[in-house]
Amino acid sequence: MAKKLYVGNLSYNTSDSDLQRMFGAFGTVQSAQVVSDRDTGRSKGFGFVEMGNDQEAQAAINGLNGKEVDGRALTVNEARPREERGGGGRGGRSGGGKRW
């Protein structure tokens, strides 16, 4: 079963193919995607990589977490499901402010 990894603190120059190459050293990369800003197309500095199985994913975490690439120490860990964006948080559409 494939294992999805979060990759943070990426240089803004890092491309999908760069991620593919980096993680390919640890096993089968099923997908590699740098997340970009919807409006500007500029990298947000993080991405996701899907490895072929748990062992390859763990090898990639062990090999790349904290490794310096383009002057930045990567953060690599198991991706967690995105939390539901409820109201009341930053940018939420809760109406904010005081309740009368």
N, C-alpha and C. Protein backbone atom coordinates (compact mmCIF):
# COMPACT_ATOMS: atom_id res chain seq x y z
N MET A 1 0.83 -1.18 0.00
CA MET A 1 0.00 0.00 0.00
C MET A 1 0.88 1.25 0.00
N ALA A 2 0.52 2.22 -0.80
CA ALA A 2 1.30 3.44 -0.92
C ALA A 2 1.23 4.25 0.37
N LYS A 3 2.29 5.00 0.62
CA LYS A 3 2.38 5.82 1.82
C LYS A 3 2.68 7.25 1.42
N LYS A 4 1.83 8.18 1.87
CA LYS A 4 2.00 9.58 1.50
C LYS A 4 2.84 10.30 2.55
N LEU A 5 3.81 11.07 2.07
CA LEU A 5 4.70 11.83 2.93
C LEU A 5 4.55 13.32 2.70
N TYR A 6 4.69 14.07 3.78
CA TYR A 6 4.72 15.53 3.71
C TYR A 6 6.18 15.94 3.63
N VAL A 7 6.49 16.89 2.76
CA VAL A 7 7.85 17.40 2.62
C VAL A 7 7.78 18.91 2.79
N GLY A 8 8.38 19.41 3.86
CA GLY A 8 8.32 20.84 4.14
C GLY A 8 9.66 21.51 4.09
N ASN A 9 9.64 22.84 4.12
CA ASN A 9 10.82 23.70 4.10
C ASN A 9 11.59 23.55 2.78
N LEU A 10 10.85 23.37 1.70
CA LEU A 10 11.47 23.25 0.38
C LEU A 10 11.91 24.62 -0.13
N SER A 11 12.98 24.63 -0.88
CA SER A 11 13.38 25.84 -1.59
C SER A 11 12.28 26.15 -2.60
N TYR A 12 12.06 27.44 -2.87
CA TYR A 12 11.02 27.82 -3.83
C TYR A 12 11.38 27.41 -5.25
N ASN A 13 12.62 26.97 -5.46
CA ASN A 13 13.05 26.52 -6.79
C ASN A 13 12.79 25.03 -7.01
N THR A 14 12.41 24.31 -5.96
CA THR A 14 12.22 22.86 -6.07
C THR A 14 11.01 22.54 -6.94
N SER A 15 11.20 21.61 -7.88
CA SER A 15 10.12 21.21 -8.78
C SER A 15 9.64 19.80 -8.43
N ASP A 16 8.54 19.41 -9.07
CA ASP A 16 8.02 18.05 -8.89
C ASP A 16 9.10 17.02 -9.26
N SER A 17 9.81 17.27 -10.36
CA SER A 17 10.82 16.30 -10.80
C SER A 17 12.01 16.25 -9.84
N ASP A 18 12.31 17.37 -9.16
CA ASP A 18 13.36 17.36 -8.14
C ASP A 18 12.96 16.44 -6.99
N LEU A 19 11.69 16.55 -6.56
CA LEU A 19 11.20 15.67 -5.49
C LEU A 19 11.27 14.22 -5.93
N GLN A 20 10.85 13.96 -7.16
CA GLN A 20 10.86 12.61 -7.72
C GLN A 20 12.27 12.02 -7.63
N ARG A 21 13.26 12.81 -8.02
CA ARG A 21 14.66 12.36 -8.00
C ARG A 21 15.14 12.11 -6.58
N MET A 22 14.87 13.06 -5.68
CA MET A 22 15.33 12.94 -4.29
C MET A 22 14.80 11.67 -3.64
N PHE A 23 13.49 11.46 -3.78
CA PHE A 23 12.85 10.34 -3.10
C PHE A 23 13.04 9.02 -3.84
N GLY A 24 13.33 9.09 -5.13
CA GLY A 24 13.55 7.89 -5.93
C GLY A 24 14.73 7.06 -5.43
N ALA A 25 15.66 7.70 -4.72
CA ALA A 25 16.81 7.00 -4.17
C ALA A 25 16.39 6.01 -3.07
N PHE A 26 15.15 6.17 -2.57
CA PHE A 26 14.69 5.33 -1.45
C PHE A 26 13.61 4.32 -1.84
N GLY A 27 13.22 4.32 -3.11
CA GLY A 27 12.21 3.37 -3.55
C GLY A 27 11.37 3.92 -4.68
N THR A 28 10.20 3.32 -4.85
CA THR A 28 9.30 3.69 -5.94
C THR A 28 8.49 4.92 -5.56
N VAL A 29 8.63 5.97 -6.36
CA VAL A 29 7.85 7.18 -6.14
C VAL A 29 6.62 7.10 -7.03
N GLN A 30 5.45 7.01 -6.42
CA GLN A 30 4.22 6.92 -7.20
C GLN A 30 3.73 8.29 -7.62
N SER A 31 3.98 9.31 -6.80
CA SER A 31 3.66 10.68 -7.19
C SER A 31 4.51 11.63 -6.36
N ALA A 32 4.80 12.78 -6.94
CA ALA A 32 5.57 13.82 -6.26
C ALA A 32 5.02 15.16 -6.71
N GLN A 33 4.58 15.97 -5.76
CA GLN A 33 3.96 17.23 -6.12
C GLN A 33 4.37 18.34 -5.15
N VAL A 34 4.89 19.43 -5.72
CA VAL A 34 5.16 20.64 -4.95
C VAL A 34 3.86 21.45 -4.98
N VAL A 35 3.41 21.91 -3.81
CA VAL A 35 2.17 22.68 -3.75
C VAL A 35 2.46 24.13 -4.12
N SER A 36 1.66 24.65 -5.06
CA SER A 36 1.84 26.02 -5.55
C SER A 36 0.65 26.88 -5.19
N ASP A 37 0.91 28.17 -5.08
CA ASP A 37 -0.15 29.14 -4.84
C ASP A 37 -1.08 29.18 -6.05
N ARG A 38 -2.35 29.10 -5.81
CA ARG A 38 -3.34 29.05 -6.90
C ARG A 38 -3.29 30.29 -7.78
N ASP A 39 -3.04 31.45 -7.17
CA ASP A 39 -3.08 32.71 -7.93
C ASP A 39 -1.76 33.03 -8.63
N THR A 40 -0.64 32.85 -7.91
CA THR A 40 0.64 33.25 -8.48
C THR A 40 1.39 32.11 -9.16
N GLY A 41 1.05 30.86 -8.82
CA GLY A 41 1.77 29.72 -9.37
C GLY A 41 3.11 29.49 -8.68
N ARG A 42 3.44 30.31 -7.69
CA ARG A 42 4.70 30.18 -6.96
C ARG A 42 4.60 29.08 -5.91
N SER A 43 5.70 28.35 -5.73
CA SER A 43 5.75 27.28 -4.73
C SER A 43 5.42 27.83 -3.36
N LYS A 44 4.69 27.03 -2.57
CA LYS A 44 4.40 27.41 -1.18
C LYS A 44 5.47 26.86 -0.24
N GLY A 45 6.46 26.16 -0.78
CA GLY A 45 7.56 25.67 0.05
C GLY A 45 7.32 24.32 0.69
N PHE A 46 6.28 23.62 0.23
CA PHE A 46 6.05 22.26 0.73
C PHE A 46 5.41 21.43 -0.37
N GLY A 47 5.38 20.12 -0.14
CA GLY A 47 4.79 19.24 -1.13
C GLY A 47 4.49 17.89 -0.52
N PHE A 48 4.07 16.97 -1.40
CA PHE A 48 3.73 15.62 -0.97
C PHE A 48 4.34 14.62 -1.93
N VAL A 49 4.80 13.52 -1.36
CA VAL A 49 5.37 12.43 -2.15
C VAL A 49 4.70 11.15 -1.72
N GLU A 50 4.30 10.34 -2.68
CA GLU A 50 3.69 9.05 -2.37
C GLU A 50 4.69 7.96 -2.73
N MET A 51 5.10 7.21 -1.71
CA MET A 51 6.05 6.11 -1.89
C MET A 51 5.29 4.80 -2.06
N GLY A 52 5.97 3.82 -2.64
CA GLY A 52 5.34 2.55 -2.95
C GLY A 52 4.84 1.76 -1.75
N ASN A 53 5.57 1.81 -0.64
CA ASN A 53 5.14 1.06 0.55
C ASN A 53 5.72 1.69 1.81
N ASP A 54 5.33 1.14 2.96
CA ASP A 54 5.75 1.69 4.25
C ASP A 54 7.26 1.67 4.44
N GLN A 55 7.92 0.59 3.99
CA GLN A 55 9.37 0.48 4.18
C GLN A 55 10.11 1.56 3.40
N GLU A 56 9.68 1.80 2.15
CA GLU A 56 10.31 2.84 1.33
C GLU A 56 10.05 4.22 1.94
N ALA A 57 8.84 4.42 2.42
CA ALA A 57 8.49 5.70 3.04
C ALA A 57 9.35 5.94 4.27
N GLN A 58 9.52 4.92 5.10
CA GLN A 58 10.33 5.07 6.31
C GLN A 58 11.78 5.33 5.95
N ALA A 59 12.28 4.66 4.92
CA ALA A 59 13.67 4.88 4.47
C ALA A 59 13.85 6.32 4.00
N ALA A 60 12.85 6.85 3.30
CA ALA A 60 12.92 8.24 2.81
C ALA A 60 12.89 9.22 3.99
N ILE A 61 12.04 8.95 4.98
CA ILE A 61 11.98 9.81 6.16
C ILE A 61 13.34 9.80 6.85
N ASN A 62 13.89 8.59 7.07
CA ASN A 62 15.18 8.47 7.75
C ASN A 62 16.30 9.15 6.96
N GLY A 63 16.24 9.04 5.64
CA GLY A 63 17.31 9.56 4.80
C GLY A 63 17.22 11.05 4.51
N LEU A 64 16.01 11.61 4.50
CA LEU A 64 15.85 13.00 4.05
C LEU A 64 15.40 13.99 5.12
N ASN A 65 14.78 13.53 6.20
CA ASN A 65 14.34 14.47 7.23
C ASN A 65 15.56 15.15 7.86
N GLY A 66 15.59 16.47 7.80
CA GLY A 66 16.71 17.23 8.35
C GLY A 66 17.85 17.43 7.37
N LYS A 67 17.79 16.76 6.21
CA LYS A 67 18.86 16.89 5.21
C LYS A 67 18.77 18.27 4.57
N GLU A 68 19.93 18.90 4.37
CA GLU A 68 19.96 20.22 3.78
C GLU A 68 19.95 20.13 2.26
N VAL A 69 18.97 20.80 1.65
CA VAL A 69 18.86 20.86 0.19
C VAL A 69 18.64 22.33 -0.17
N ASP A 70 19.49 22.85 -1.03
CA ASP A 70 19.43 24.28 -1.41
C ASP A 70 19.46 25.19 -0.18
N GLY A 71 20.27 24.80 0.81
CA GLY A 71 20.43 25.65 2.00
C GLY A 71 19.30 25.57 3.00
N ARG A 72 18.38 24.64 2.81
CA ARG A 72 17.25 24.51 3.73
C ARG A 72 17.16 23.08 4.24
N ALA A 73 16.94 22.94 5.55
CA ALA A 73 16.81 21.61 6.15
C ALA A 73 15.39 21.12 5.92
N LEU A 74 15.25 20.02 5.20
CA LEU A 74 13.93 19.48 4.87
C LEU A 74 13.22 18.92 6.11
N THR A 75 11.92 19.01 6.09
CA THR A 75 11.06 18.34 7.08
C THR A 75 10.33 17.25 6.30
N VAL A 76 10.55 16.01 6.66
CA VAL A 76 9.89 14.90 5.97
C VAL A 76 9.23 14.02 7.02
N ASN A 77 7.91 13.85 6.91
CA ASN A 77 7.20 12.96 7.82
C ASN A 77 5.96 12.42 7.14
N GLU A 78 5.31 11.52 7.84
CA GLU A 78 4.10 10.92 7.30
C GLU A 78 3.02 11.99 7.18
N ALA A 79 2.39 12.07 6.02
CA ALA A 79 1.33 13.07 5.82
C ALA A 79 0.12 12.68 6.65
N ARG A 80 -0.47 13.67 7.29
CA ARG A 80 -1.69 13.44 8.06
C ARG A 80 -2.86 14.01 7.27
N PRO A 81 -4.03 13.44 7.44
CA PRO A 81 -5.21 13.99 6.75
C PRO A 81 -5.40 15.46 7.10
N ARG A 82 -5.81 16.23 6.12
CA ARG A 82 -6.02 17.65 6.33
C ARG A 82 -7.15 17.85 7.34
N GLU A 83 -6.91 18.74 8.29
CA GLU A 83 -7.95 18.99 9.30
C GLU A 83 -9.05 19.81 8.69
N GLU A 84 -10.25 19.54 9.14
CA GLU A 84 -11.42 20.27 8.65
C GLU A 84 -11.27 21.73 9.07
N ARG A 85 -11.50 22.62 8.15
CA ARG A 85 -11.37 24.05 8.47
C ARG A 85 -12.69 24.57 9.00
N GLY A 86 -12.82 24.58 10.30
CA GLY A 86 -14.04 25.07 10.92
C GLY A 86 -14.02 26.58 11.03
N GLY A 87 -15.11 27.17 11.44
CA GLY A 87 -15.15 28.61 11.63
C GLY A 87 -14.37 29.02 12.86
N GLY A 88 -14.14 30.30 13.00
CA GLY A 88 -13.50 30.82 14.20
C GLY A 88 -11.99 30.87 14.12
N GLY A 89 -11.38 30.11 13.22
CA GLY A 89 -9.92 30.15 13.07
C GLY A 89 -9.51 31.27 12.15
N ARG A 90 -8.24 31.40 11.91
CA ARG A 90 -7.77 32.43 10.98
C ARG A 90 -8.37 32.18 9.61
N GLY A 91 -8.85 33.20 9.00
CA GLY A 91 -9.36 33.07 7.66
C GLY A 91 -10.69 32.36 7.55
N GLY A 92 -11.25 31.95 8.69
CA GLY A 92 -12.54 31.27 8.65
C GLY A 92 -13.64 32.26 8.31
N ARG A 93 -14.76 31.75 7.86
CA ARG A 93 -15.89 32.63 7.51
C ARG A 93 -16.95 32.58 8.59
N SER A 94 -16.52 32.70 9.82
CA SER A 94 -17.46 32.57 10.92
C SER A 94 -18.15 33.89 11.26
N GLY A 95 -17.76 34.97 10.59
CA GLY A 95 -18.30 36.25 10.97
C GLY A 95 -17.40 36.90 12.01
N GLY A 96 -16.62 36.08 12.69
CA GLY A 96 -15.60 36.54 13.64
C GLY A 96 -16.12 37.55 14.65
N GLY A 97 -15.19 38.15 15.34
CA GLY A 97 -15.53 39.24 16.25
C GLY A 97 -16.42 38.83 17.41
N LYS A 98 -17.07 39.83 17.98
CA LYS A 98 -17.90 39.62 19.16
C LYS A 98 -19.26 39.04 18.80
N ARG A 99 -19.78 38.32 19.74
CA ARG A 99 -21.16 37.83 19.61
C ARG A 99 -22.00 38.64 20.56
N TRP A 100 -23.09 39.20 20.10
CA TRP A 100 -23.91 40.09 20.92
C TRP A 100 -24.98 39.36 21.61
